[in-house]
Amino acid sequence: MEQGWKNHLAQEFDKPYFEALTQRVKADYADPNVTVYPPGRDIFAAFDASPFEDTKVVIIGQDPYHGPGQANGLCFSVAPGVQMPPSLLNIFKEVTSDTGAPMPPDGDLSRWARQGVLLLNSSLTVKEHQPKSHSGIGWETFTDAAVNALANDRDNLVFLLWGSYAIRKGNAIDRNRHLVLTSPHPSPLSAHRGFFGNHHFTRANEYLVAHGKTPIVW
């Protein structure tokens, strides 16, 4: 894990819940009858891709994609060559509508992460074809600590919270200190209820520029 994140989350690693979480996750990865995503090397990829001091925008997902070859440790993202899931396709549709940027050739969001967009799932692992299978085992506590560290130790960040789950996770963020934008989830089930047309990408950049930060090339 990137050193800045490691410093800010160090106390979490010593807590009983994290020890129990580690044992559970290691056991599932080691079980020959269980497939877990993302690959073990990518569990903390979101933190490595967007160092603590460089993070400017936070996007919160729920848990990794649970299909073969999809999850890469960044929420909503898939590697080049992997078909874009429907929610990601809707995200890009809104980016295009909002900013005029062309539809990208692939769903690899590491290009966002390199600009300071933390793409954080609430649960960092999942069993194949079993959504939410690693929810409630401690990941949420750990990622809450990550969100709180940013909210408390940094200023003028942008939090993009899509869907009721992400919105609840951001309840404690100080709205006077950060820009918190909420809308329905980009899933095909809810995108037409307010994700499309939310203008989160231009609004995020306007806020960043107003606070002396470089805007994101979405």
C-alpha atoms as a PDB file:
ATOM      1  CA  MET A   1       0.000   0.000   0.000  1.00  0.00           C
ATOM      2  CA  GLU A   2       1.173   3.538  -0.809  1.00  0.00           C
ATOM      3  CA  GLN A   3       3.109   4.972   2.135  1.00  0.00           C
ATOM      4  CA  GLY A   4       0.851   7.970   2.771  1.00  0.00           C
ATOM      5  CA  TRP A   5      -2.180   5.720   3.033  1.00  0.00           C
ATOM      6  CA  LYS A   6      -0.249   3.256   5.151  1.00  0.00           C
ATOM      7  CA  ASN A   7       0.623   6.040   7.589  1.00  0.00           C
ATOM      8  CA  HIS A   8      -2.960   7.260   7.885  1.00  0.00           C
ATOM      9  CA  LEU A   9      -4.443   3.771   8.234  1.00  0.00           C
ATOM     10  CA  ALA A  10      -1.701   2.244  10.389  1.00  0.00           C
ATOM     11  CA  GLN A  11      -3.866   2.033  13.500  1.00  0.00           C
ATOM     12  CA  GLU A  12      -6.490   0.024  11.604  1.00  0.00           C
ATOM     13  CA  PHE A  13      -4.044  -2.789  10.849  1.00  0.00           C
ATOM     14  CA  ASP A  14      -3.593  -3.504  14.557  1.00  0.00           C
ATOM     15  CA  LYS A  15      -7.285  -3.717  15.431  1.00  0.00           C
ATOM     16  CA  PRO A  16      -8.955  -7.079  16.088  1.00  0.00           C
ATOM     17  CA  TYR A  17     -11.465  -6.638  13.258  1.00  0.00           C
ATOM     18  CA  PHE A  18      -8.690  -6.246  10.695  1.00  0.00           C
ATOM     19  CA  GLU A  19      -6.892  -9.343  11.923  1.00  0.00           C
ATOM     20  CA  ALA A  20     -10.125 -11.335  11.615  1.00  0.00           C
ATOM     21  CA  LEU A  21     -10.770  -9.808   8.188  1.00  0.00           C
ATOM     22  CA  THR A  22      -7.286 -10.725   6.988  1.00  0.00           C
ATOM     23  CA  GLN A  23      -7.655 -14.317   8.153  1.00  0.00           C
ATOM     24  CA  ARG A  24     -11.033 -14.686   6.447  1.00  0.00           C
ATOM     25  CA  VAL A  25      -9.872 -13.199   3.145  1.00  0.00           C
ATOM     26  CA  LYS A  26      -6.621 -15.195   3.095  1.00  0.00           C
ATOM     27  CA  ALA A  27      -8.573 -18.392   3.740  1.00  0.00           C
ATOM     28  CA  ASP A  28     -10.901 -17.730   0.813  1.00  0.00           C
ATOM     29  CA  TYR A  29      -8.041 -16.914  -1.557  1.00  0.00           C
ATOM     30  CA  ALA A  30      -6.281 -20.118  -0.483  1.00  0.00           C
ATOM     31  CA  ASP A  31      -9.380 -22.332  -0.873  1.00  0.00           C
ATOM     32  CA  PRO A  32      -9.114 -24.242  -4.176  1.00  0.00           C
ATOM     33  CA  ASN A  33     -12.914 -24.405  -4.363  1.00  0.00           C
ATOM     34  CA  VAL A  34     -13.385 -20.628  -4.104  1.00  0.00           C
ATOM     35  CA  THR A  35     -12.461 -17.892  -6.583  1.00  0.00           C
ATOM     36  CA  VAL A  36     -12.060 -14.392  -5.169  1.00  0.00           C
ATOM     37  CA  TYR A  37     -11.709 -11.106  -7.033  1.00  0.00           C
ATOM     38  CA  PRO A  38      -9.717  -8.997  -7.651  1.00  0.00           C
ATOM     39  CA  PRO A  39      -6.390 -10.844  -7.907  1.00  0.00           C
ATOM     40  CA  GLY A  40      -4.642 -10.645  -4.548  1.00  0.00           C
ATOM     41  CA  ARG A  41      -2.040  -8.196  -5.819  1.00  0.00           C
ATOM     42  CA  ASP A  42      -4.820  -5.724  -6.669  1.00  0.00           C
ATOM     43  CA  ILE A  43      -6.753  -5.684  -3.377  1.00  0.00           C
ATOM     44  CA  PHE A  44      -5.280  -2.307  -2.398  1.00  0.00           C
ATOM     45  CA  ALA A  45      -4.823  -1.036  -5.963  1.00  0.00           C
ATOM     46  CA  ALA A  46      -7.065   1.998  -5.394  1.00  0.00           C
ATOM     47  CA  PHE A  47      -4.744   3.282  -2.652  1.00  0.00           C
ATOM     48  CA  ASP A  48      -1.615   2.642  -4.686  1.00  0.00           C
ATOM     49  CA  ALA A  49      -3.045   4.365  -7.761  1.00  0.00           C
ATOM     50  CA  SER A  50      -4.162   7.507  -5.902  1.00  0.00           C
ATOM     51  CA  PRO A  51      -1.723   8.406  -3.104  1.00  0.00           C
ATOM     52  CA  PHE A  52      -3.217  10.016  -0.006  1.00  0.00           C
ATOM     53  CA  GLU A  53      -1.703  13.460  -0.527  1.00  0.00           C
ATOM     54  CA  ASP A  54      -2.540  13.477  -4.261  1.00  0.00           C
ATOM     55  CA  THR A  55      -6.202  12.510  -3.959  1.00  0.00           C
ATOM     56  CA  LYS A  56      -8.574  15.238  -5.110  1.00  0.00           C
ATOM     57  CA  VAL A  57     -11.777  13.334  -5.908  1.00  0.00           C
ATOM     58  CA  VAL A  58     -13.307  10.266  -4.277  1.00  0.00           C
ATOM     59  CA  ILE A  59     -15.755   7.916  -6.019  1.00  0.00           C
ATOM     60  CA  ILE A  60     -17.247   5.166  -3.854  1.00  0.00           C
ATOM     61  CA  GLY A  61     -18.477   1.822  -5.153  1.00  0.00           C
ATOM     62  CA  GLN A  62     -19.969  -1.085  -3.238  1.00  0.00           C
ATOM     63  CA  ASP A  63     -17.907  -4.184  -4.014  1.00  0.00           C
ATOM     64  CA  PRO A  64     -15.730  -5.427  -6.880  1.00  0.00           C
ATOM     65  CA  TYR A  65     -17.118  -6.900 -10.067  1.00  0.00           C
ATOM     66  CA  HIS A  66     -17.697 -10.608  -9.480  1.00  0.00           C
ATOM     67  CA  GLY A  67     -17.281 -11.917 -13.028  1.00  0.00           C
ATOM     68  CA  PRO A  68     -14.072 -13.444 -14.440  1.00  0.00           C
ATOM     69  CA  GLY A  69     -11.488 -10.925 -15.571  1.00  0.00           C
ATOM     70  CA  GLN A  70     -13.444  -7.840 -14.541  1.00  0.00           C
ATOM     71  CA  ALA A  71     -12.268  -6.569 -11.140  1.00  0.00           C
ATOM     72  CA  ASN A  72      -8.931  -4.747 -11.057  1.00  0.00           C
ATOM     73  CA  GLY A  73      -9.069  -3.087  -7.645  1.00  0.00           C
ATOM     74  CA  LEU A  74     -10.518   0.232  -8.829  1.00  0.00           C
ATOM     75  CA  CYS A  75     -14.262   0.710  -8.426  1.00  0.00           C
ATOM     76  CA  PHE A  76     -16.268   0.689 -11.671  1.00  0.00           C
ATOM     77  CA  SER A  77     -13.057   0.069 -13.680  1.00  0.00           C
ATOM     78  CA  VAL A  78     -12.171  -2.850 -15.945  1.00  0.00           C
ATOM     79  CA  ALA A  79      -8.928  -3.598 -17.767  1.00  0.00           C
ATOM     80  CA  PRO A  80      -8.478  -2.776 -21.459  1.00  0.00           C
ATOM     81  CA  GLY A  81     -10.050  -5.464 -23.604  1.00  0.00           C
ATOM     82  CA  VAL A  82     -12.749  -6.297 -21.036  1.00  0.00           C
ATOM     83  CA  GLN A  83     -16.309  -5.427 -22.046  1.00  0.00           C
ATOM     84  CA  MET A  84     -17.601  -2.394 -20.169  1.00  0.00           C
ATOM     85  CA  PRO A  85     -20.247  -3.302 -17.561  1.00  0.00           C
ATOM     86  CA  PRO A  86     -23.530  -1.368 -17.889  1.00  0.00           C
ATOM     87  CA  SER A  87     -22.889   1.003 -14.960  1.00  0.00           C
ATOM     88  CA  LEU A  88     -19.493   1.978 -16.339  1.00  0.00           C
ATOM     89  CA  LEU A  89     -20.962   2.539 -19.782  1.00  0.00           C
ATOM     90  CA  ASN A  90     -23.540   4.863 -18.221  1.00  0.00           C
ATOM     91  CA  ILE A  91     -20.787   6.742 -16.389  1.00  0.00           C
ATOM     92  CA  PHE A  92     -19.044   7.400 -19.684  1.00  0.00           C
ATOM     93  CA  LYS A  93     -22.318   8.455 -21.298  1.00  0.00           C
ATOM     94  CA  GLU A  94     -22.721  11.104 -18.607  1.00  0.00           C
ATOM     95  CA  VAL A  95     -19.082  12.186 -18.977  1.00  0.00           C
ATOM     96  CA  THR A  96     -19.653  12.660 -22.710  1.00  0.00           C
ATOM     97  CA  SER A  97     -22.927  14.517 -22.203  1.00  0.00           C
ATOM     98  CA  ASP A  98     -21.532  16.662 -19.397  1.00  0.00           C
ATOM     99  CA  THR A  99     -18.061  17.506 -20.672  1.00  0.00           C
ATOM    100  CA  GLY A 100     -18.097  16.768 -24.386  1.00  0.00           C
ATOM    101  CA  ALA A 101     -15.293  14.239 -24.006  1.00  0.00           C
ATOM    102  CA  PRO A 102     -15.480  11.367 -26.505  1.00  0.00           C
ATOM    103  CA  MET A 103     -16.433   7.863 -25.422  1.00  0.00           C
ATOM    104  CA  PRO A 104     -13.145   6.190 -24.395  1.00  0.00           C
ATOM    105  CA  PRO A 105     -11.841   3.064 -26.106  1.00  0.00           C
ATOM    106  CA  ASP A 106     -11.866   0.999 -22.921  1.00  0.00           C
ATOM    107  CA  GLY A 107     -13.056   0.968 -19.332  1.00  0.00           C
ATOM    108  CA  ASP A 108      -9.679   1.336 -17.644  1.00  0.00           C
ATOM    109  CA  LEU A 109     -10.103   4.106 -15.067  1.00  0.00           C
ATOM    110  CA  SER A 110      -6.480   4.072 -13.972  1.00  0.00           C
ATOM    111  CA  ARG A 111      -6.137   7.226 -16.091  1.00  0.00           C
ATOM    112  CA  TRP A 112      -8.492   8.914 -13.614  1.00  0.00           C
ATOM    113  CA  ALA A 113      -6.652   7.468 -10.620  1.00  0.00           C
ATOM    114  CA  ARG A 114      -3.340   8.852 -11.850  1.00  0.00           C
ATOM    115  CA  GLN A 115      -4.904  12.316 -11.726  1.00  0.00           C
ATOM    116  CA  GLY A 116      -5.961  11.950  -8.088  1.00  0.00           C
ATOM    117  CA  VAL A 117      -9.327  10.189  -8.305  1.00  0.00           C
ATOM    118  CA  LEU A 118      -9.626   7.583  -5.542  1.00  0.00           C
ATOM    119  CA  LEU A 119     -11.806   4.777  -6.914  1.00  0.00           C
ATOM    120  CA  LEU A 120     -12.730   3.052  -3.675  1.00  0.00           C
ATOM    121  CA  ASN A 121     -15.035   0.086  -3.221  1.00  0.00           C
ATOM    122  CA  SER A 122     -16.564  -0.282   0.227  1.00  0.00           C
ATOM    123  CA  SER A 123     -15.630  -3.977   0.211  1.00  0.00           C
ATOM    124  CA  LEU A 124     -12.293  -4.691  -1.423  1.00  0.00           C
ATOM    125  CA  THR A 125     -12.887  -8.360  -2.266  1.00  0.00           C
ATOM    126  CA  VAL A 126     -15.757 -10.575  -3.444  1.00  0.00           C
ATOM    127  CA  LYS A 127     -16.369 -14.234  -4.303  1.00  0.00           C
ATOM    128  CA  GLU A 128     -16.964 -15.101  -7.934  1.00  0.00           C
ATOM    129  CA  HIS A 129     -20.622 -14.692  -8.973  1.00  0.00           C
ATOM    130  CA  GLN A 130     -21.592 -13.810  -5.378  1.00  0.00           C
ATOM    131  CA  PRO A 131     -22.160 -10.059  -5.033  1.00  0.00           C
ATOM    132  CA  LYS A 132     -21.738  -8.709  -1.501  1.00  0.00           C
ATOM    133  CA  SER A 133     -20.232 -12.048  -0.399  1.00  0.00           C
ATOM    134  CA  HIS A 134     -17.472 -10.246   1.511  1.00  0.00           C
ATOM    135  CA  SER A 135     -19.719  -7.531   2.889  1.00  0.00           C
ATOM    136  CA  GLY A 136     -20.019  -7.389   6.652  1.00  0.00           C
ATOM    137  CA  ILE A 137     -16.671  -9.057   7.406  1.00  0.00           C
ATOM    138  CA  GLY A 138     -14.748  -5.854   8.173  1.00  0.00           C
ATOM    139  CA  TRP A 139     -13.971  -4.192   4.864  1.00  0.00           C
ATOM    140  CA  GLU A 140     -16.589  -1.499   5.409  1.00  0.00           C
ATOM    141  CA  THR A 141     -14.959  -0.497   8.692  1.00  0.00           C
ATOM    142  CA  PHE A 142     -11.589  -0.246   6.977  1.00  0.00           C
ATOM    143  CA  THR A 143     -12.831   1.801   4.036  1.00  0.00           C
ATOM    144  CA  ASP A 144     -14.841   4.040   6.365  1.00  0.00           C
ATOM    145  CA  ALA A 145     -11.527   4.792   8.079  1.00  0.00           C
ATOM    146  CA  ALA A 146     -10.016   5.679   4.699  1.00  0.00           C
ATOM    147  CA  VAL A 147     -12.872   8.045   3.828  1.00  0.00           C
ATOM    148  CA  ASN A 148     -12.734   9.624   7.278  1.00  0.00           C
ATOM    149  CA  ALA A 149      -8.962  10.098   7.039  1.00  0.00           C
ATOM    150  CA  LEU A 150      -9.376  12.079   3.836  1.00  0.00           C
ATOM    151  CA  ALA A 151     -12.350  14.041   5.148  1.00  0.00           C
ATOM    152  CA  ASN A 152     -10.570  14.956   8.386  1.00  0.00           C
ATOM    153  CA  ASP A 153      -6.978  15.474   7.250  1.00  0.00           C
ATOM    154  CA  ARG A 154      -7.420  17.033   3.815  1.00  0.00           C
ATOM    155  CA  ASP A 155      -9.391  20.064   2.625  1.00  0.00           C
ATOM    156  CA  ASN A 156     -11.461  20.919  -0.443  1.00  0.00           C
ATOM    157  CA  LEU A 157     -11.908  17.415  -1.809  1.00  0.00           C
ATOM    158  CA  VAL A 158     -14.778  16.294  -4.020  1.00  0.00           C
ATOM    159  CA  PHE A 159     -16.809  13.230  -3.044  1.00  0.00           C
ATOM    160  CA  LEU A 160     -19.024  11.717  -5.759  1.00  0.00           C
ATOM    161  CA  LEU A 161     -21.601   9.519  -4.052  1.00  0.00           C
ATOM    162  CA  TRP A 162     -23.850   7.586  -6.410  1.00  0.00           C
ATOM    163  CA  GLY A 163     -26.685   5.537  -4.967  1.00  0.00           C
ATOM    164  CA  SER A 164     -28.046   5.180  -1.457  1.00  0.00           C
ATOM    165  CA  TYR A 165     -25.215   2.953  -0.262  1.00  0.00           C
ATOM    166  CA  ALA A 166     -22.450   5.408  -1.185  1.00  0.00           C
ATOM    167  CA  ILE A 167     -24.501   8.332   0.110  1.00  0.00           C
ATOM    168  CA  ARG A 168     -24.820   6.678   3.524  1.00  0.00           C
ATOM    169  CA  LYS A 169     -21.082   6.001   3.586  1.00  0.00           C
ATOM    170  CA  GLY A 170     -20.469   9.718   3.135  1.00  0.00           C
ATOM    171  CA  ASN A 171     -22.900  10.920   5.785  1.00  0.00           C
ATOM    172  CA  ALA A 172     -20.162  12.078   8.160  1.00  0.00           C
ATOM    173  CA  ILE A 173     -18.259  14.212   5.619  1.00  0.00           C
ATOM    174  CA  ASP A 174     -18.203  17.908   6.515  1.00  0.00           C
ATOM    175  CA  ARG A 175     -20.051  19.666   3.678  1.00  0.00           C
ATOM    176  CA  ASN A 176     -18.506  22.996   4.671  1.00  0.00           C
ATOM    177  CA  ARG A 177     -15.026  21.607   4.152  1.00  0.00           C
ATOM    178  CA  HIS A 178     -15.565  19.484   1.039  1.00  0.00           C
ATOM    179  CA  LEU A 179     -17.868  19.294  -1.980  1.00  0.00           C
ATOM    180  CA  VAL A 180     -20.192  16.299  -1.668  1.00  0.00           C
ATOM    181  CA  LEU A 181     -22.262  15.530  -4.766  1.00  0.00           C
ATOM    182  CA  THR A 182     -24.959  12.859  -4.650  1.00  0.00           C
ATOM    183  CA  SER A 183     -27.230  11.250  -7.209  1.00  0.00           C
ATOM    184  CA  PRO A 184     -28.837   7.915  -8.065  1.00  0.00           C
ATOM    185  CA  HIS A 185     -26.509   5.081  -9.043  1.00  0.00           C
ATOM    186  CA  PRO A 186     -25.371   4.749 -12.684  1.00  0.00           C
ATOM    187  CA  SER A 187     -26.865   1.255 -12.854  1.00  0.00           C
ATOM    188  CA  PRO A 188     -29.375   0.788 -15.711  1.00  0.00           C
ATOM    189  CA  LEU A 189     -31.988   0.303 -12.993  1.00  0.00           C
ATOM    190  CA  SER A 190     -31.588   3.831 -11.652  1.00  0.00           C
ATOM    191  CA  ALA A 191     -29.479   5.981 -14.010  1.00  0.00           C
ATOM    192  CA  HIS A 192     -32.538   7.538 -15.633  1.00  0.00           C
ATOM    193  CA  ARG A 193     -33.795   8.704 -12.235  1.00  0.00           C
ATOM    194  CA  GLY A 194     -31.130  11.378 -11.912  1.00  0.00           C
ATOM    195  CA  PHE A 195     -27.660  10.056 -12.623  1.00  0.00           C
ATOM    196  CA  PHE A 196     -27.946  11.176 -16.209  1.00  0.00           C
ATOM    197  CA  GLY A 197     -27.793  14.936 -16.187  1.00  0.00           C
ATOM    198  CA  ASN A 198     -26.228  15.267 -12.730  1.00  0.00           C
ATOM    199  CA  HIS A 199     -23.245  17.202 -14.204  1.00  0.00           C
ATOM    200  CA  HIS A 200     -21.001  15.841 -11.463  1.00  0.00           C
ATOM    201  CA  PHE A 201     -17.917  15.847 -13.656  1.00  0.00           C
ATOM    202  CA  THR A 202     -18.045  19.515 -14.618  1.00  0.00           C
ATOM    203  CA  ARG A 203     -19.175  20.513 -11.121  1.00  0.00           C
ATOM    204  CA  ALA A 204     -16.226  18.633  -9.615  1.00  0.00           C
ATOM    205  CA  ASN A 205     -13.785  20.378 -11.920  1.00  0.00           C
ATOM    206  CA  GLU A 206     -15.271  23.818 -11.274  1.00  0.00           C
ATOM    207  CA  TYR A 207     -14.774  23.247  -7.544  1.00  0.00           C
ATOM    208  CA  LEU A 208     -11.212  21.998  -7.977  1.00  0.00           C
ATOM    209  CA  VAL A 209     -10.268  24.984 -10.104  1.00  0.00           C
ATOM    210  CA  ALA A 210     -11.906  27.376  -7.644  1.00  0.00           C
ATOM    211  CA  HIS A 211      -9.636  25.934  -4.936  1.00  0.00           C
ATOM    212  CA  GLY A 212      -6.442  26.136  -6.960  1.00  0.00           C
ATOM    213  CA  LYS A 213      -6.319  22.506  -8.065  1.00  0.00           C
ATOM    214  CA  THR A 214      -5.846  21.044 -11.517  1.00  0.00           C
ATOM    215  CA  PRO A 215      -9.126  19.763 -13.001  1.00  0.00           C
ATOM    216  CA  ILE A 216      -9.578  16.122 -13.953  1.00  0.00           C
ATOM    217  CA  VAL A 217      -9.451  15.098 -17.588  1.00  0.00           C
ATOM    218  CA  TRP A 218     -12.477  12.851 -17.520  1.00  0.00           C
END
